PDB file of all heavy atoms in Angstrom:
ATOM      1  N   ASP A   1     -69.288  12.938 -41.983  1.00  0.00           N
ATOM      2  CA  ASP A   1     -69.103  13.894 -40.899  1.00  0.00           C
ATOM      3  C   ASP A   1     -67.730  14.541 -40.967  1.00  0.00           C
ATOM      4  O   ASP A   1     -66.784  13.983 -41.528  1.00  0.00           O
ATOM      5  CB  ASP A   1     -69.268  13.201 -39.553  1.00  0.00           C
ATOM      6  CG  ASP A   1     -70.670  12.710 -39.295  1.00  0.00           C
ATOM      7  OD1 ASP A   1     -71.616  13.298 -39.842  1.00  0.00           O
ATOM      8  OD2 ASP A   1     -70.821  11.735 -38.532  1.00  0.00           O
ATOM      9  N   ARG A   2     -67.638  15.706 -40.352  1.00  0.00           N
ATOM     10  CA  ARG A   2     -66.362  16.386 -40.234  1.00  0.00           C
ATOM     11  C   ARG A   2     -65.496  15.670 -39.198  1.00  0.00           C
ATOM     12  O   ARG A   2     -65.951  15.383 -38.093  1.00  0.00           O
ATOM     13  CB  ARG A   2     -66.595  17.839 -39.823  1.00  0.00           C
ATOM     14  CG  ARG A   2     -65.381  18.728 -39.946  1.00  0.00           C
ATOM     15  CD  ARG A   2     -65.733  20.176 -39.619  1.00  0.00           C
ATOM     16  NE  ARG A   2     -66.791  20.682 -40.471  1.00  0.00           N
ATOM     17  CZ  ARG A   2     -67.260  21.925 -40.415  1.00  0.00           C
ATOM     18  NH1 ARG A   2     -66.756  22.790 -39.539  1.00  0.00           N
ATOM     19  NH2 ARG A   2     -68.235  22.297 -41.227  1.00  0.00           N
ATOM     20  N   SER A   3     -64.238  15.388 -39.537  1.00  0.00           N
ATOM     21  CA  SER A   3     -63.382  14.614 -38.660  1.00  0.00           C
ATOM     22  C   SER A   3     -61.990  15.230 -38.567  1.00  0.00           C
ATOM     23  O   SER A   3     -61.543  15.946 -39.464  1.00  0.00           O
ATOM     24  CB  SER A   3     -63.273  13.159 -39.130  1.00  0.00           C
ATOM     25  OG  SER A   3     -62.718  13.089 -40.429  1.00  0.00           O
ATOM     26  N   PHE A   4     -61.299  14.902 -37.481  1.00  0.00           N
ATOM     27  CA  PHE A   4     -59.978  15.435 -37.192  1.00  0.00           C
ATOM     28  C   PHE A   4     -58.941  14.891 -38.151  1.00  0.00           C
ATOM     29  O   PHE A   4     -58.920  13.702 -38.464  1.00  0.00           O
ATOM     30  CB  PHE A   4     -59.609  15.061 -35.752  1.00  0.00           C
ATOM     31  CG  PHE A   4     -58.236  15.463 -35.329  1.00  0.00           C
ATOM     32  CD1 PHE A   4     -57.980  16.742 -34.874  1.00  0.00           C
ATOM     33  CD2 PHE A   4     -57.192  14.556 -35.369  1.00  0.00           C
ATOM     34  CE1 PHE A   4     -56.709  17.110 -34.470  1.00  0.00           C
ATOM     35  CE2 PHE A   4     -55.924  14.905 -34.966  1.00  0.00           C
ATOM     36  CZ  PHE A   4     -55.687  16.194 -34.519  1.00  0.00           C
ATOM     37  N   VAL A   5     -58.042  15.756 -38.604  1.00  0.00           N
ATOM     38  CA  VAL A   5     -56.923  15.366 -39.447  1.00  0.00           C
ATOM     39  C   VAL A   5     -55.591  15.545 -38.720  1.00  0.00           C
ATOM     40  O   VAL A   5     -54.795  14.612 -38.622  1.00  0.00           O
ATOM     41  CB  VAL A   5     -56.902  16.167 -40.756  1.00  0.00           C
ATOM     42  CG1 VAL A   5     -55.682  15.798 -41.598  1.00  0.00           C
ATOM     43  CG2 VAL A   5     -58.186  15.941 -41.542  1.00  0.00           C
ATOM     44  N   ALA A   6     -55.333  16.743 -38.220  1.00  0.00           N
ATOM     45  CA  ALA A   6     -54.064  17.045 -37.569  1.00  0.00           C
ATOM     46  C   ALA A   6     -54.235  18.242 -36.655  1.00  0.00           C
ATOM     47  O   ALA A   6     -55.057  19.121 -36.915  1.00  0.00           O
ATOM     48  CB  ALA A   6     -52.975  17.336 -38.603  1.00  0.00           C
ATOM     49  N   GLY A   7     -53.446  18.288 -35.590  1.00  0.00           N
ATOM     50  CA  GLY A   7     -53.482  19.403 -34.658  1.00  0.00           C
ATOM     51  C   GLY A   7     -52.087  19.771 -34.206  1.00  0.00           C
ATOM     52  O   GLY A   7     -51.158  18.970 -34.303  1.00  0.00           O
ATOM     53  N   ILE A   8     -51.944  20.990 -33.699  1.00  0.00           N
ATOM     54  CA  ILE A   8     -50.646  21.470 -33.248  1.00  0.00           C
ATOM     55  C   ILE A   8     -50.830  22.373 -32.035  1.00  0.00           C
ATOM     56  O   ILE A   8     -51.709  23.232 -32.017  1.00  0.00           O
ATOM     57  CB  ILE A   8     -49.894  22.188 -34.391  1.00  0.00           C
ATOM     58  CG1 ILE A   8     -48.464  22.546 -33.968  1.00  0.00           C
ATOM     59  CG2 ILE A   8     -50.646  23.426 -34.874  1.00  0.00           C
ATOM     60  CD1 ILE A   8     -47.586  22.950 -35.142  1.00  0.00           C
ATOM     61  N   ARG A   9     -50.028  22.154 -31.012  1.00  0.00           N
ATOM     62  CA  ARG A   9     -49.966  23.064 -29.881  1.00  0.00           C
ATOM     63  C   ARG A   9     -49.253  24.327 -30.314  1.00  0.00           C
ATOM     64  O   ARG A   9     -48.128  24.276 -30.824  1.00  0.00           O
ATOM     65  CB  ARG A   9     -49.207  22.422 -28.717  1.00  0.00           C
ATOM     66  CG  ARG A   9     -50.006  21.401 -27.921  1.00  0.00           C
ATOM     67  CD  ARG A   9     -50.843  22.097 -26.835  1.00  0.00           C
ATOM     68  NE  ARG A   9     -50.035  22.929 -25.961  1.00  0.00           N
ATOM     69  CZ  ARG A   9     -49.368  22.477 -24.900  1.00  0.00           C
ATOM     70  NH1 ARG A   9     -49.427  21.186 -24.569  1.00  0.00           N
ATOM     71  NH2 ARG A   9     -48.656  23.316 -24.154  1.00  0.00           N
ATOM     72  N   TRP A  10     -49.922  25.458 -30.131  1.00  0.00           N
ATOM     73  CA  TRP A  10     -49.367  26.701 -30.638  1.00  0.00           C
ATOM     74  C   TRP A  10     -48.095  27.112 -29.924  1.00  0.00           C
ATOM     75  O   TRP A  10     -47.199  27.705 -30.539  1.00  0.00           O
ATOM     76  CB  TRP A  10     -50.409  27.819 -30.544  1.00  0.00           C
ATOM     77  CG  TRP A  10     -50.168  28.906 -31.534  1.00  0.00           C
ATOM     78  CD1 TRP A  10     -49.722  30.161 -31.287  1.00  0.00           C
ATOM     79  CD2 TRP A  10     -50.361  28.818 -32.954  1.00  0.00           C
ATOM     80  NE1 TRP A  10     -49.618  30.866 -32.452  1.00  0.00           N
ATOM     81  CE2 TRP A  10     -50.004  30.073 -33.501  1.00  0.00           C
ATOM     82  CE3 TRP A  10     -50.805  27.803 -33.811  1.00  0.00           C
ATOM     83  CZ2 TRP A  10     -50.061  30.339 -34.859  1.00  0.00           C
ATOM     84  CZ3 TRP A  10     -50.863  28.063 -35.174  1.00  0.00           C
ATOM     85  CH2 TRP A  10     -50.495  29.321 -35.679  1.00  0.00           C
ATOM     86  N   ASP A  11     -47.987  26.831 -28.645  1.00  0.00           N
ATOM     87  CA  ASP A  11     -46.827  27.248 -27.874  1.00  0.00           C
ATOM     88  C   ASP A  11     -45.614  26.351 -28.078  1.00  0.00           C
ATOM     89  O   ASP A  11     -44.490  26.853 -28.218  1.00  0.00           O
ATOM     90  CB  ASP A  11     -47.174  27.341 -26.389  1.00  0.00           C
ATOM     91  CG  ASP A  11     -47.754  26.055 -25.822  1.00  0.00           C
ATOM     92  OD1 ASP A  11     -48.151  25.173 -26.604  1.00  0.00           O
ATOM     93  OD2 ASP A  11     -47.812  25.947 -24.581  1.00  0.00           O
ATOM     94  N   THR A  12     -45.812  25.052 -28.113  1.00  0.00           N
ATOM     95  CA  THR A  12     -44.697  24.112 -28.179  1.00  0.00           C
ATOM     96  C   THR A  12     -44.416  23.576 -29.575  1.00  0.00           C
ATOM     97  O   THR A  12     -43.315  23.098 -29.838  1.00  0.00           O
ATOM     98  CB  THR A  12     -44.943  22.918 -27.259  1.00  0.00           C
ATOM     99  OG1 THR A  12     -46.052  22.166 -27.744  1.00  0.00           O
ATOM    100  CG2 THR A  12     -45.216  23.397 -25.834  1.00  0.00           C
ATOM    101  N   GLY A  13     -45.407  23.588 -30.450  1.00  0.00           N
ATOM    102  CA  GLY A  13     -45.269  22.985 -31.757  1.00  0.00           C
ATOM    103  C   GLY A  13     -45.506  21.491 -31.796  1.00  0.00           C
ATOM    104  O   GLY A  13     -45.315  20.874 -32.855  1.00  0.00           O
ATOM    105  N   SER A  14     -45.903  20.876 -30.694  1.00  0.00           N
ATOM    106  CA  SER A  14     -46.213  19.455 -30.681  1.00  0.00           C
ATOM    107  C   SER A  14     -47.353  19.161 -31.635  1.00  0.00           C
ATOM    108  O   SER A  14     -48.336  19.906 -31.692  1.00  0.00           O
ATOM    109  CB  SER A  14     -46.590  19.003 -29.272  1.00  0.00           C
ATOM    110  OG  SER A  14     -45.504  19.185 -28.377  1.00  0.00           O
ATOM    111  N   THR A  15     -47.238  18.061 -32.377  1.00  0.00           N
ATOM    112  CA  THR A  15     -48.204  17.745 -33.425  1.00  0.00           C
ATOM    113  C   THR A  15     -48.896  16.419 -33.169  1.00  0.00           C
ATOM    114  O   THR A  15     -48.351  15.520 -32.516  1.00  0.00           O
ATOM    115  CB  THR A  15     -47.521  17.704 -34.795  1.00  0.00           C
ATOM    116  OG1 THR A  15     -46.472  16.728 -34.779  1.00  0.00           O
ATOM    117  CG2 THR A  15     -46.938  19.067 -35.138  1.00  0.00           C
ATOM    118  N   TYR A  16     -50.088  16.286 -33.735  1.00  0.00           N
ATOM    119  CA  TYR A  16     -50.937  15.118 -33.564  1.00  0.00           C
ATOM    120  C   TYR A  16     -51.640  14.858 -34.887  1.00  0.00           C
ATOM    121  O   TYR A  16     -52.084  15.790 -35.558  1.00  0.00           O
ATOM    122  CB  TYR A  16     -51.962  15.349 -32.455  1.00  0.00           C
ATOM    123  CG  TYR A  16     -51.348  15.877 -31.184  1.00  0.00           C
ATOM    124  CD1 TYR A  16     -51.173  17.238 -30.990  1.00  0.00           C
ATOM    125  CD2 TYR A  16     -50.922  15.005 -30.188  1.00  0.00           C
ATOM    126  CE1 TYR A  16     -50.587  17.727 -29.834  1.00  0.00           C
ATOM    127  CE2 TYR A  16     -50.335  15.487 -29.032  1.00  0.00           C
ATOM    128  CZ  TYR A  16     -50.169  16.844 -28.858  1.00  0.00           C
ATOM    129  OH  TYR A  16     -49.585  17.320 -27.713  1.00  0.00           O
ATOM    130  N   TYR A  17     -51.779  13.571 -35.250  1.00  0.00           N
ATOM    131  CA  TYR A  17     -52.348  13.200 -36.534  1.00  0.00           C
ATOM    132  C   TYR A  17     -53.320  12.046 -36.391  1.00  0.00           C
ATOM    133  O   TYR A  17     -53.138  11.164 -35.538  1.00  0.00           O
ATOM    134  CB  TYR A  17     -51.257  12.771 -37.514  1.00  0.00           C
ATOM    135  CG  TYR A  17     -50.258  13.839 -37.845  1.00  0.00           C
ATOM    136  CD1 TYR A  17     -49.080  13.956 -37.122  1.00  0.00           C
ATOM    137  CD2 TYR A  17     -50.488  14.725 -38.887  1.00  0.00           C
ATOM    138  CE1 TYR A  17     -48.157  14.938 -37.424  1.00  0.00           C
ATOM    139  CE2 TYR A  17     -49.571  15.708 -39.196  1.00  0.00           C
ATOM    140  CZ  TYR A  17     -48.403  15.810 -38.458  1.00  0.00           C
ATOM    141  OH  TYR A  17     -47.495  16.789 -38.771  1.00  0.00           O
ATOM    142  N   THR A  18     -54.319  12.040 -37.245  1.00  0.00           N
ATOM    143  CA  THR A  18     -55.132  10.852 -37.380  1.00  0.00           C
ATOM    144  C   THR A  18     -54.323   9.794 -38.136  1.00  0.00           C
ATOM    145  O   THR A  18     -53.462  10.121 -38.950  1.00  0.00           O
ATOM    146  CB  THR A  18     -56.457  11.172 -38.091  1.00  0.00           C
ATOM    147  OG1 THR A  18     -57.360  10.077 -37.948  1.00  0.00           O
ATOM    148  CG2 THR A  18     -56.239  11.455 -39.564  1.00  0.00           C
ATOM    149  N   ASP A  19     -54.585   8.524 -37.852  1.00  0.00           N
ATOM    150  CA  ASP A  19     -53.740   7.450 -38.366  1.00  0.00           C
ATOM    151  C   ASP A  19     -53.646   7.434 -39.891  1.00  0.00           C
ATOM    152  O   ASP A  19     -52.589   7.120 -40.453  1.00  0.00           O
ATOM    153  CB  ASP A  19     -54.254   6.097 -37.878  1.00  0.00           C
ATOM    154  CG  ASP A  19     -53.974   5.847 -36.419  1.00  0.00           C
ATOM    155  OD1 ASP A  19     -53.141   6.567 -35.839  1.00  0.00           O
ATOM    156  OD2 ASP A  19     -54.588   4.928 -35.855  1.00  0.00           O
ATOM    157  N   SER A  20     -54.709   7.764 -40.574  1.00  0.00           N
ATOM    158  CA  SER A  20     -54.745   7.624 -42.019  1.00  0.00           C
ATOM    159  C   SER A  20     -53.831   8.600 -42.760  1.00  0.00           C
ATOM    160  O   SER A  20     -53.553   8.395 -43.943  1.00  0.00           O
ATOM    161  CB  SER A  20     -56.176   7.776 -42.534  1.00  0.00           C
ATOM    162  OG  SER A  20     -56.680   9.067 -42.259  1.00  0.00           O
ATOM    163  N   VAL A  21     -53.353   9.655 -42.089  1.00  0.00           N
ATOM    164  CA  VAL A  21     -52.503  10.636 -42.755  1.00  0.00           C
ATOM    165  C   VAL A  21     -51.074  10.645 -42.228  1.00  0.00           C
ATOM    166  O   VAL A  21     -50.236  11.380 -42.766  1.00  0.00           O
ATOM    167  CB  VAL A  21     -53.093  12.056 -42.663  1.00  0.00           C
ATOM    168  CG1 VAL A  21     -54.538  12.071 -43.145  1.00  0.00           C
ATOM    169  CG2 VAL A  21     -52.988  12.615 -41.250  1.00  0.00           C
ATOM    170  N   LYS A  22     -50.772   9.843 -41.226  1.00  0.00           N
ATOM    171  CA  LYS A  22     -49.420   9.809 -40.681  1.00  0.00           C
ATOM    172  C   LYS A  22     -48.420   9.401 -41.757  1.00  0.00           C
ATOM    173  O   LYS A  22     -48.636   8.449 -42.491  1.00  0.00           O
ATOM    174  CB  LYS A  22     -49.346   8.844 -39.501  1.00  0.00           C
ATOM    175  CG  LYS A  22     -50.028   9.342 -38.252  1.00  0.00           C
ATOM    176  CD  LYS A  22     -49.902   8.339 -37.113  1.00  0.00           C
ATOM    177  CE  LYS A  22     -50.564   8.856 -35.850  1.00  0.00           C
ATOM    178  NZ  LYS A  22     -50.494   7.868 -34.756  1.00  0.00           N
ATOM    179  N   GLY A  23     -47.329  10.133 -41.828  1.00  0.00           N
ATOM    180  CA  GLY A  23     -46.316   9.876 -42.833  1.00  0.00           C
ATOM    181  C   GLY A  23     -46.558  10.549 -44.159  1.00  0.00           C
ATOM    182  O   GLY A  23     -45.662  10.571 -45.009  1.00  0.00           O
ATOM    183  N   ARG A  24     -47.760  11.098 -44.364  1.00  0.00           N
ATOM    184  CA  ARG A  24     -48.083  11.778 -45.615  1.00  0.00           C
ATOM    185  C   ARG A  24     -48.344  13.272 -45.420  1.00  0.00           C
ATOM    186  O   ARG A  24     -47.981  14.075 -46.273  1.00  0.00           O
ATOM    187  CB  ARG A  24     -49.311  11.149 -46.267  1.00  0.00           C
ATOM    188  CG  ARG A  24     -49.139   9.683 -46.619  1.00  0.00           C
ATOM    189  CD  ARG A  24     -50.288   9.193 -47.481  1.00  0.00           C
ATOM    190  NE  ARG A  24     -51.568   9.275 -46.781  1.00  0.00           N
ATOM    191  CZ  ARG A  24     -52.619   9.974 -47.206  1.00  0.00           C
ATOM    192  NH1 ARG A  24     -52.548  10.658 -48.333  1.00  0.00           N
ATOM    193  NH2 ARG A  24     -53.745   9.973 -46.511  1.00  0.00           N
ATOM    194  N   PHE A  25     -48.994  13.633 -44.322  1.00  0.00           N
ATOM    195  CA  PHE A  25     -49.346  15.025 -44.050  1.00  0.00           C
ATOM    196  C   PHE A  25     -48.462  15.572 -42.938  1.00  0.00           C
ATOM    197  O   PHE A  25     -48.087  14.846 -42.009  1.00  0.00           O
ATOM    198  CB  PHE A  25     -50.800  15.150 -43.601  1.00  0.00           C
ATOM    199  CG  PHE A  25     -51.831  14.860 -44.657  1.00  0.00           C
ATOM    200  CD1 PHE A  25     -51.493  14.313 -45.879  1.00  0.00           C
ATOM    201  CD2 PHE A  25     -53.162  15.147 -44.401  1.00  0.00           C
ATOM    202  CE1 PHE A  25     -52.452  14.045 -46.842  1.00  0.00           C
ATOM    203  CE2 PHE A  25     -54.130  14.889 -45.350  1.00  0.00           C
ATOM    204  CZ  PHE A  25     -53.781  14.341 -46.568  1.00  0.00           C
ATOM    205  N   THR A  26     -48.173  16.865 -43.005  1.00  0.00           N
ATOM    206  CA  THR A  26     -47.407  17.541 -41.976  1.00  0.00           C
ATOM    207  C   THR A  26     -48.088  18.852 -41.620  1.00  0.00           C
ATOM    208  O   THR A  26     -48.294  19.699 -42.492  1.00  0.00           O
ATOM    209  CB  THR A  26     -45.971  17.823 -42.428  1.00  0.00           C
ATOM    210  OG1 THR A  26     -45.330  16.600 -42.799  1.00  0.00           O
ATOM    211  CG2 THR A  26     -45.178  18.477 -41.299  1.00  0.00           C
ATOM    212  N   ILE A  27     -48.428  19.022 -40.341  1.00  0.00           N
ATOM    213  CA  ILE A  27     -48.988  20.275 -39.867  1.00  0.00           C
ATOM    214  C   ILE A  27     -47.868  21.127 -39.283  1.00  0.00           C
ATOM    215  O   ILE A  27     -46.958  20.609 -38.632  1.00  0.00           O
ATOM    216  CB  ILE A  27     -50.107  20.036 -38.829  1.00  0.00           C
ATOM    217  CG1 ILE A  27     -50.825  21.346 -38.479  1.00  0.00           C
ATOM    218  CG2 ILE A  27     -49.572  19.340 -37.585  1.00  0.00           C
ATOM    219  CD1 ILE A  27     -52.067  21.151 -37.622  1.00  0.00           C
ATOM    220  N   SER A  28     -47.924  22.415 -39.520  1.00  0.00           N
ATOM    221  CA  SER A  28     -46.927  23.326 -38.980  1.00  0.00           C
ATOM    222  C   SER A  28     -47.551  24.697 -38.769  1.00  0.00           C
ATOM    223  O   SER A  28     -48.656  24.970 -39.244  1.00  0.00           O
ATOM    224  CB  SER A  28     -45.711  23.430 -39.908  1.00  0.00           C
ATOM    225  OG  SER A  28     -46.072  23.947 -41.176  1.00  0.00           O
ATOM    226  N   ARG A  29     -46.844  25.529 -38.027  1.00  0.00           N
ATOM    227  CA  ARG A  29     -47.342  26.881 -37.808  1.00  0.00           C
ATOM    228  C   ARG A  29     -46.191  27.871 -37.840  1.00  0.00           C
ATOM    229  O   ARG A  29     -45.034  27.521 -37.573  1.00  0.00           O
ATOM    230  CB  ARG A  29     -48.130  26.984 -36.499  1.00  0.00           C
ATOM    231  CG  ARG A  29     -47.423  27.304 -35.173  1.00  0.00           C
ATOM    232  CD  ARG A  29     -46.278  26.526 -34.849  1.00  0.00           C
ATOM    233  NE  ARG A  29     -45.869  26.633 -33.441  1.00  0.00           N
ATOM    234  CZ  ARG A  29     -44.620  26.500 -33.045  1.00  0.00           C
ATOM    235  NH1 ARG A  29     -43.661  26.252 -33.930  1.00  0.00           N
ATOM    236  NH2 ARG A  29     -44.330  26.579 -31.756  1.00  0.00           N
ATOM    237  N   ASP A  30     -46.511  29.108 -38.174  1.00  0.00           N
ATOM    238  CA  ASP A  30     -45.619  30.239 -38.054  1.00  0.00           C
ATOM    239  C   ASP A  30     -46.289  31.163 -37.054  1.00  0.00           C
ATOM    240  O   ASP A  30     -47.160  31.954 -37.408  1.00  0.00           O
ATOM    241  CB  ASP A  30     -45.416  30.919 -39.407  1.00  0.00           C
ATOM    242  CG  ASP A  30     -44.412  32.052 -39.349  1.00  0.00           C
ATOM    243  OD1 ASP A  30     -44.152  32.581 -38.253  1.00  0.00           O
ATOM    244  OD2 ASP A  30     -43.888  32.424 -40.411  1.00  0.00           O
TER     245      ASP A  30
END
């Protein structure tokens, strides 16, 4: 199934990660 990896609040830049990618993946936005 399709599952969540990472998310970001567009206004604040706050980030959220699934446990398996913490420390390895970084989400960001411009």
